[in-house]
Amino acid sequence: MRIITHVCSNCGTVVAANELESNRVMKCPRISCQSVLRFEDLPAEKLNYFLENRSNYQI
């Protein structure tokens, strides 16, 4: 199992791919940041790997 994350391009906050997948679109969790993070923003390789192995990433 790989740890798949996404980094907010505005503030550098790291968000887990499974959190993004469950919400699809979410505000960056950093209080002072107003960026919107999207599951589709994950790089294609990470996105495909996550979707193919979704059962391994259940919370």
Protein backbone atom coordinates (compact mmCIF):
# COMPACT_ATOMS: atom_id res chain seq x y z
CA MET A 1 0.00 0.00 0.00
CA ARG A 2 1.27 3.45 -0.93
CA ILE A 3 0.53 6.62 0.98
CA ILE A 4 -1.09 8.95 -1.52
CA THR A 5 -1.38 12.62 -0.67
CA HIS A 6 -2.08 15.93 -2.31
CA VAL A 7 -0.34 19.19 -1.38
CA CYS A 8 -2.22 22.47 -1.45
CA SER A 9 -0.43 24.63 -4.01
CA ASN A 10 -1.27 27.77 -2.04
CA CYS A 11 -0.09 26.90 1.50
CA GLY A 12 1.55 23.46 1.36
CA THR A 13 -0.97 21.64 3.57
CA VAL A 14 -0.95 17.90 2.92
CA VAL A 15 -4.29 16.09 2.47
CA ALA A 16 -4.74 12.32 2.15
CA ALA A 17 -6.16 11.05 -1.14
CA ASN A 18 -8.86 9.05 0.64
CA GLU A 19 -10.10 12.25 2.30
CA LEU A 20 -10.23 13.99 -1.08
CA GLU A 21 -11.97 11.00 -2.64
CA SER A 22 -14.71 10.95 -0.02
CA ASN A 23 -15.43 14.68 -0.50
CA ARG A 24 -14.37 15.10 -4.17
CA VAL A 25 -14.15 18.88 -3.63
CA MET A 26 -13.16 20.46 -0.36
CA LYS A 27 -11.74 23.66 1.09
CA CYS A 28 -8.13 23.36 2.18
CA PRO A 29 -8.15 22.35 5.87
CA ARG A 30 -5.73 25.14 6.84
CA ILE A 31 -7.77 27.85 8.56
CA SER A 32 -6.06 30.77 6.83
CA CYS A 33 -6.19 29.20 3.33
CA GLN A 34 -9.14 29.60 0.99
CA SER A 35 -7.95 27.21 -1.75
CA VAL A 36 -10.29 24.55 -3.10
CA LEU A 37 -8.85 21.04 -3.45
CA ARG A 38 -10.30 18.54 -5.90
CA PHE A 39 -9.85 14.78 -6.14
CA GLU A 40 -9.31 15.16 -9.88
CA ASP A 41 -6.27 17.40 -9.17
CA LEU A 42 -4.25 14.36 -8.12
CA PRO A 43 -1.65 13.42 -10.75
CA ALA A 44 -3.03 10.78 -13.16
CA GLU A 45 -0.69 8.04 -11.90
CA LYS A 46 -1.73 8.57 -8.27
CA LEU A 47 -5.39 8.92 -9.17
CA ASN A 48 -5.44 5.69 -11.19
CA TYR A 49 -3.51 3.76 -8.53
CA PHE A 50 -5.89 4.96 -5.83
CA LEU A 51 -9.01 4.06 -7.82
CA GLU A 52 -7.65 0.61 -8.70
CA ASN A 53 -6.83 -0.09 -5.04
CA ARG A 54 -9.68 1.81 -3.36
CA SER A 55 -10.46 -1.03 -0.91
CA ASN A 56 -6.99 -0.63 0.64
CA TYR A 57 -7.67 3.02 1.49
CA GLN A 58 -10.90 2.75 3.50
CA ILE A 59 -10.96 4.85 6.68
